[in-house]
N, C-alpha and C. Protein backbone atom coordinates (compact mmCIF):
# COMPACT_ATOMS: atom_id res chain seq x y z
N VAL A 1 0.84 -1.20 0.00
CA VAL A 1 0.00 0.00 0.00
C VAL A 1 0.87 1.24 0.00
N GLN A 2 0.49 2.20 -0.81
CA GLN A 2 1.19 3.47 -0.85
C GLN A 2 0.21 4.61 -0.69
N LEU A 3 0.68 5.65 0.02
CA LEU A 3 -0.08 6.89 0.14
C LEU A 3 0.73 7.97 -0.54
N VAL A 4 0.13 8.65 -1.50
CA VAL A 4 0.82 9.69 -2.24
C VAL A 4 0.10 11.01 -2.01
N GLU A 5 0.85 11.95 -1.45
CA GLU A 5 0.29 13.27 -1.14
C GLU A 5 0.66 14.26 -2.22
N SER A 6 -0.18 15.26 -2.40
CA SER A 6 0.13 16.34 -3.32
C SER A 6 -0.60 17.60 -2.87
N GLY A 7 -0.10 18.75 -3.36
CA GLY A 7 -0.81 20.00 -3.12
C GLY A 7 -0.19 20.96 -2.15
N GLY A 8 0.91 20.61 -1.54
CA GLY A 8 1.53 21.54 -0.60
C GLY A 8 2.18 22.69 -1.34
N GLY A 9 2.70 23.65 -0.58
CA GLY A 9 3.37 24.79 -1.18
C GLY A 9 3.39 26.00 -0.28
N LEU A 10 3.69 27.12 -0.90
CA LEU A 10 3.78 28.40 -0.18
C LEU A 10 2.53 29.23 -0.47
N VAL A 11 1.94 29.78 0.59
CA VAL A 11 0.75 30.60 0.44
C VAL A 11 0.81 31.74 1.42
N GLN A 12 0.19 32.85 1.08
CA GLN A 12 0.16 34.00 1.98
C GLN A 12 -0.90 33.80 3.07
N PRO A 13 -0.72 34.45 4.21
CA PRO A 13 -1.75 34.38 5.26
C PRO A 13 -3.11 34.79 4.71
N GLY A 14 -4.12 34.02 5.11
CA GLY A 14 -5.46 34.26 4.61
C GLY A 14 -5.79 33.50 3.35
N GLY A 15 -4.79 32.89 2.76
CA GLY A 15 -4.99 32.15 1.52
C GLY A 15 -5.51 30.74 1.73
N SER A 16 -5.58 30.01 0.63
CA SER A 16 -6.11 28.65 0.65
C SER A 16 -5.18 27.69 -0.07
N LEU A 17 -5.25 26.43 0.36
CA LEU A 17 -4.53 25.36 -0.31
C LEU A 17 -5.38 24.11 -0.25
N ARG A 18 -5.15 23.23 -1.20
CA ARG A 18 -5.88 21.96 -1.26
C ARG A 18 -4.88 20.83 -1.30
N LEU A 19 -4.93 19.97 -0.31
CA LEU A 19 -4.08 18.80 -0.27
C LEU A 19 -4.87 17.57 -0.69
N SER A 20 -4.17 16.66 -1.36
CA SER A 20 -4.79 15.42 -1.80
C SER A 20 -3.93 14.25 -1.36
N CYS A 21 -4.58 13.15 -0.99
CA CYS A 21 -3.87 11.93 -0.63
C CYS A 21 -4.56 10.77 -1.32
N ALA A 22 -3.80 10.05 -2.12
CA ALA A 22 -4.33 8.91 -2.85
C ALA A 22 -3.70 7.62 -2.34
N ALA A 23 -4.53 6.66 -2.01
CA ALA A 23 -4.07 5.36 -1.55
C ALA A 23 -4.15 4.36 -2.69
N SER A 24 -3.10 3.56 -2.82
CA SER A 24 -3.09 2.55 -3.88
C SER A 24 -2.47 1.27 -3.36
N GLY A 25 -2.72 0.19 -4.08
CA GLY A 25 -2.18 -1.09 -3.68
C GLY A 25 -3.29 -2.09 -3.42
N SER A 26 -2.95 -3.13 -2.67
CA SER A 26 -3.90 -4.18 -2.37
C SER A 26 -4.78 -3.76 -1.19
N ILE A 27 -5.81 -3.00 -1.49
CA ILE A 27 -6.67 -2.42 -0.46
C ILE A 27 -8.01 -3.13 -0.44
N PHE A 28 -8.33 -3.75 0.68
CA PHE A 28 -9.64 -4.37 0.83
C PHE A 28 -10.66 -3.34 1.27
N SER A 29 -10.24 -2.54 2.27
CA SER A 29 -11.11 -1.46 2.72
C SER A 29 -10.29 -0.41 3.46
N ILE A 30 -10.78 0.82 3.45
CA ILE A 30 -10.15 1.91 4.19
C ILE A 30 -11.06 2.23 5.38
N ILE A 31 -10.54 2.03 6.57
CA ILE A 31 -11.33 2.28 7.78
C ILE A 31 -11.45 3.78 8.01
N ALA A 32 -10.30 4.47 7.95
CA ALA A 32 -10.27 5.91 8.14
C ALA A 32 -9.02 6.45 7.46
N MET A 33 -9.07 7.73 7.12
CA MET A 33 -7.96 8.34 6.42
C MET A 33 -7.96 9.82 6.74
N GLY A 34 -6.77 10.39 6.83
CA GLY A 34 -6.76 11.80 7.15
C GLY A 34 -5.38 12.39 7.15
N TRP A 35 -5.26 13.48 7.87
CA TRP A 35 -4.03 14.27 7.87
C TRP A 35 -3.57 14.59 9.29
N TYR A 36 -2.27 14.55 9.46
CA TYR A 36 -1.60 15.03 10.65
C TYR A 36 -0.54 16.01 10.18
N ARG A 37 -0.06 16.83 11.09
CA ARG A 37 1.01 17.76 10.72
C ARG A 37 2.04 17.86 11.82
N GLN A 38 3.24 18.26 11.43
CA GLN A 38 4.32 18.43 12.40
C GLN A 38 5.12 19.66 12.03
N ALA A 39 5.15 20.60 12.93
CA ALA A 39 5.96 21.81 12.77
C ALA A 39 7.32 21.59 13.42
N PRO A 40 8.33 22.34 13.02
CA PRO A 40 9.66 22.17 13.61
C PRO A 40 9.63 22.32 15.13
N GLY A 41 10.21 21.36 15.81
CA GLY A 41 10.30 21.40 17.27
C GLY A 41 9.02 21.04 17.99
N LYS A 42 8.00 20.62 17.25
CA LYS A 42 6.72 20.28 17.87
C LYS A 42 6.34 18.84 17.57
N GLN A 43 5.40 18.34 18.38
CA GLN A 43 4.91 16.98 18.15
C GLN A 43 3.93 16.95 17.00
N ARG A 44 3.81 15.78 16.41
CA ARG A 44 2.84 15.59 15.35
C ARG A 44 1.43 15.71 15.95
N GLU A 45 0.56 16.42 15.24
CA GLU A 45 -0.78 16.63 15.77
C GLU A 45 -1.84 16.34 14.71
N LEU A 46 -3.02 16.03 15.20
CA LEU A 46 -4.16 15.77 14.33
C LEU A 46 -4.58 17.03 13.59
N VAL A 47 -4.83 16.87 12.28
CA VAL A 47 -5.45 17.94 11.52
C VAL A 47 -6.92 17.57 11.27
N ALA A 48 -7.11 16.46 10.56
CA ALA A 48 -8.48 16.03 10.26
C ALA A 48 -8.47 14.59 9.79
N THR A 49 -9.51 13.85 10.15
CA THR A 49 -9.68 12.49 9.64
C THR A 49 -11.13 12.29 9.23
N ILE A 50 -11.33 11.29 8.38
CA ILE A 50 -12.67 10.94 7.94
C ILE A 50 -12.76 9.44 7.83
N THR A 51 -13.85 8.87 8.35
CA THR A 51 -14.03 7.42 8.30
C THR A 51 -14.73 7.02 7.00
N SER A 52 -14.78 5.72 6.78
CA SER A 52 -15.47 5.23 5.59
C SER A 52 -16.96 5.56 5.63
N GLY A 53 -17.47 5.76 6.82
CA GLY A 53 -18.88 6.13 6.96
C GLY A 53 -19.13 7.62 6.84
N GLY A 54 -18.06 8.38 6.74
CA GLY A 54 -18.21 9.82 6.56
C GLY A 54 -18.08 10.64 7.82
N SER A 55 -17.80 10.02 8.95
CA SER A 55 -17.62 10.78 10.19
C SER A 55 -16.27 11.49 10.15
N THR A 56 -16.29 12.73 10.58
CA THR A 56 -15.07 13.53 10.55
C THR A 56 -14.64 13.94 11.95
N ASN A 57 -13.34 14.20 12.07
CA ASN A 57 -12.77 14.66 13.33
C ASN A 57 -11.70 15.69 12.98
N TYR A 58 -11.75 16.84 13.64
CA TYR A 58 -10.82 17.93 13.35
C TYR A 58 -10.04 18.33 14.59
N GLY A 59 -8.79 18.74 14.37
CA GLY A 59 -8.05 19.33 15.45
C GLY A 59 -8.65 20.68 15.81
N ASP A 60 -8.56 21.06 17.08
CA ASP A 60 -9.21 22.29 17.53
C ASP A 60 -8.72 23.52 16.76
N SER A 61 -7.45 23.53 16.41
CA SER A 61 -6.88 24.72 15.78
C SER A 61 -7.32 24.92 14.34
N VAL A 62 -7.93 23.91 13.73
CA VAL A 62 -8.32 24.04 12.32
C VAL A 62 -9.84 24.01 12.12
N LYS A 63 -10.58 23.78 13.19
CA LYS A 63 -12.04 23.72 13.05
C LYS A 63 -12.59 25.01 12.46
N GLY A 64 -13.47 24.86 11.50
CA GLY A 64 -14.08 26.01 10.85
C GLY A 64 -13.27 26.56 9.69
N ARG A 65 -12.03 26.10 9.55
CA ARG A 65 -11.17 26.59 8.46
C ARG A 65 -10.82 25.50 7.45
N PHE A 66 -10.67 24.29 7.94
CA PHE A 66 -10.28 23.17 7.09
C PHE A 66 -11.46 22.22 6.92
N THR A 67 -11.53 21.60 5.74
CA THR A 67 -12.58 20.62 5.46
C THR A 67 -11.97 19.40 4.80
N ILE A 68 -12.29 18.24 5.34
CA ILE A 68 -11.82 16.99 4.75
C ILE A 68 -12.98 16.32 4.03
N SER A 69 -12.67 15.77 2.86
CA SER A 69 -13.71 15.09 2.10
C SER A 69 -13.11 13.85 1.45
N ARG A 70 -13.95 13.02 0.87
CA ARG A 70 -13.46 11.77 0.30
C ARG A 70 -14.02 11.53 -1.08
N ASP A 71 -13.23 10.79 -1.84
CA ASP A 71 -13.66 10.30 -3.14
C ASP A 71 -13.42 8.80 -3.11
N ASN A 72 -14.41 8.07 -2.64
CA ASN A 72 -14.22 6.65 -2.42
C ASN A 72 -13.87 5.87 -3.68
N THR A 73 -14.35 6.34 -4.80
CA THR A 73 -14.09 5.61 -6.04
C THR A 73 -12.61 5.63 -6.39
N LYS A 74 -11.91 6.64 -5.86
CA LYS A 74 -10.49 6.76 -6.18
C LYS A 74 -9.61 6.56 -4.96
N ASN A 75 -10.19 6.13 -3.84
CA ASN A 75 -9.43 5.98 -2.60
C ASN A 75 -8.63 7.25 -2.30
N THR A 76 -9.23 8.37 -2.50
CA THR A 76 -8.58 9.66 -2.32
C THR A 76 -9.32 10.49 -1.29
N ARG A 77 -8.53 11.22 -0.50
CA ARG A 77 -9.10 12.15 0.47
C ARG A 77 -8.53 13.52 0.19
N ILE A 78 -9.38 14.52 0.33
CA ILE A 78 -9.02 15.89 0.04
C ILE A 78 -9.09 16.72 1.31
N LEU A 79 -8.09 17.55 1.53
CA LEU A 79 -8.11 18.50 2.65
C LEU A 79 -8.11 19.90 2.06
N GLN A 80 -9.23 20.58 2.19
CA GLN A 80 -9.34 21.96 1.74
C GLN A 80 -9.03 22.87 2.92
N MET A 81 -7.99 23.67 2.76
CA MET A 81 -7.55 24.55 3.84
C MET A 81 -7.80 26.00 3.45
N THR A 82 -8.51 26.72 4.27
CA THR A 82 -8.80 28.13 4.01
C THR A 82 -8.38 28.98 5.21
N SER A 83 -8.35 30.27 5.00
CA SER A 83 -7.97 31.22 6.07
C SER A 83 -6.68 30.78 6.75
N LEU A 84 -5.71 30.43 5.95
CA LEU A 84 -4.45 29.89 6.49
C LEU A 84 -3.70 30.93 7.30
N LYS A 85 -3.04 30.45 8.34
CA LYS A 85 -2.28 31.30 9.26
C LYS A 85 -0.83 30.84 9.26
N PRO A 86 0.09 31.72 9.65
CA PRO A 86 1.50 31.30 9.73
C PRO A 86 1.69 30.07 10.63
N GLU A 87 0.88 29.94 11.66
CA GLU A 87 1.01 28.80 12.56
C GLU A 87 0.53 27.49 11.95
N ASP A 88 -0.04 27.55 10.75
CA ASP A 88 -0.38 26.32 10.02
C ASP A 88 0.82 25.75 9.28
N THR A 89 1.92 26.49 9.28
CA THR A 89 3.13 26.02 8.62
C THR A 89 3.62 24.74 9.26
N ALA A 90 3.79 23.71 8.44
CA ALA A 90 4.20 22.40 8.94
C ALA A 90 4.35 21.44 7.77
N VAL A 91 4.89 20.28 8.07
CA VAL A 91 4.82 19.18 7.12
C VAL A 91 3.53 18.42 7.40
N TYR A 92 2.74 18.23 6.38
CA TYR A 92 1.45 17.55 6.51
C TYR A 92 1.59 16.11 6.01
N PHE A 93 1.20 15.19 6.88
CA PHE A 93 1.33 13.76 6.58
C PHE A 93 -0.05 13.14 6.42
N CYS A 94 -0.19 12.38 5.36
CA CYS A 94 -1.41 11.60 5.17
C CYS A 94 -1.29 10.31 5.99
N ASN A 95 -2.38 9.92 6.60
CA ASN A 95 -2.41 8.70 7.41
C ASN A 95 -3.65 7.90 7.03
N ALA A 96 -3.50 6.58 7.00
CA ALA A 96 -4.66 5.75 6.65
C ALA A 96 -4.66 4.46 7.46
N ASP A 97 -5.83 4.09 7.92
CA ASP A 97 -6.07 2.83 8.63
C ASP A 97 -6.73 1.91 7.59
N ILE A 98 -5.93 0.94 7.12
CA ILE A 98 -6.33 0.18 5.95
C ILE A 98 -6.32 -1.32 6.23
N VAL A 99 -7.30 -1.98 5.68
CA VAL A 99 -7.31 -3.44 5.66
C VAL A 99 -6.86 -3.87 4.27
N THR A 100 -5.77 -4.62 4.22
CA THR A 100 -5.26 -5.05 2.94
C THR A 100 -5.91 -6.38 2.52
N GLY A 101 -5.74 -6.70 1.23
CA GLY A 101 -6.30 -7.93 0.70
C GLY A 101 -7.00 -7.66 -0.61
N SER A 102 -7.10 -8.66 -1.45
CA SER A 102 -7.75 -8.48 -2.75
C SER A 102 -9.19 -9.00 -2.74
N ILE A 103 -9.38 -10.21 -2.30
CA ILE A 103 -10.72 -10.80 -2.25
C ILE A 103 -11.21 -10.91 -0.82
N THR A 104 -10.29 -11.28 0.07
CA THR A 104 -10.63 -11.40 1.49
C THR A 104 -9.69 -10.50 2.30
N PRO A 105 -10.15 -10.03 3.45
CA PRO A 105 -9.28 -9.18 4.27
C PRO A 105 -8.09 -9.97 4.81
N THR A 106 -6.94 -9.29 4.81
CA THR A 106 -5.71 -9.96 5.20
C THR A 106 -5.13 -9.39 6.48
N LEU A 107 -4.92 -8.08 6.49
CA LEU A 107 -4.23 -7.44 7.60
C LEU A 107 -4.71 -6.01 7.72
N ARG A 108 -4.88 -5.57 8.94
CA ARG A 108 -5.23 -4.18 9.19
C ARG A 108 -4.06 -3.49 9.84
N ARG A 109 -3.64 -2.36 9.27
CA ARG A 109 -2.55 -1.58 9.85
C ARG A 109 -2.62 -0.14 9.41
N ASP A 110 -1.76 0.64 10.05
CA ASP A 110 -1.64 2.07 9.80
C ASP A 110 -0.58 2.34 8.73
N TYR A 111 -0.86 3.28 7.84
CA TYR A 111 0.11 3.68 6.84
C TYR A 111 0.29 5.19 6.89
N TRP A 112 1.52 5.61 6.52
CA TRP A 112 1.84 7.04 6.48
C TRP A 112 2.40 7.41 5.13
N GLY A 113 2.06 8.60 4.67
CA GLY A 113 2.69 9.16 3.50
C GLY A 113 4.01 9.80 3.86
N GLN A 114 4.72 10.29 2.85
CA GLN A 114 6.04 10.88 3.08
C GLN A 114 5.96 12.32 3.57
N GLY A 115 4.82 12.95 3.41
CA GLY A 115 4.64 14.31 3.89
C GLY A 115 4.79 15.34 2.79
N THR A 116 4.07 16.43 2.94
CA THR A 116 4.17 17.54 2.01
C THR A 116 4.25 18.85 2.80
N GLN A 117 5.13 19.72 2.40
CA GLN A 117 5.37 20.97 3.14
C GLN A 117 4.30 22.00 2.81
N VAL A 118 3.76 22.60 3.85
CA VAL A 118 2.86 23.75 3.71
C VAL A 118 3.49 24.91 4.46
N THR A 119 3.72 26.00 3.76
CA THR A 119 4.32 27.19 4.36
C THR A 119 3.39 28.37 4.17
N VAL A 120 3.03 29.00 5.27
CA VAL A 120 2.16 30.17 5.22
C VAL A 120 2.99 31.37 5.65
N SER A 121 3.26 32.24 4.69
CA SER A 121 4.15 33.37 4.97
C SER A 121 3.89 34.48 3.97
N ALA A 122 4.06 35.70 4.48
CA ALA A 122 3.92 36.85 3.59
C ALA A 122 5.22 37.10 2.82
C-alpha cells in the first residue's frame, strides 16, 4: 500500500490550499484516512480524519477553516484549507487505517505518506 500526497506549497496568510492523498495497492477497505502535521520542534498533531462512513474529526486549531472530504471511487481524500495562518506552517502527513487484501481481508494496519510541506508566509 502506498499513500501519495500532493498539493503543498507556499501561500500567503489568509490564503487557501488543497491537499490530496491517494491510496493505492492491495486495499480491501479503508477504515479511516486523514491528515496530521508536524511543525519544527513540535509533536505531530491531528489535523483532520474521515471514516469510511463519513464521520469527521478535526483538530481544535483548524475547526471552521479546514474541510476533509473523500472520493471513495479513487481511494482519495481531500483536505481543503482556508484562512491559512502562519502557525499552520508544517509538514502535513497523510495517514490511513487500511485493511489489505484483494478478495478477502488480510491485515489491518496504519500507513503514512512521506509528507508535504505547507508554508504560510507573507
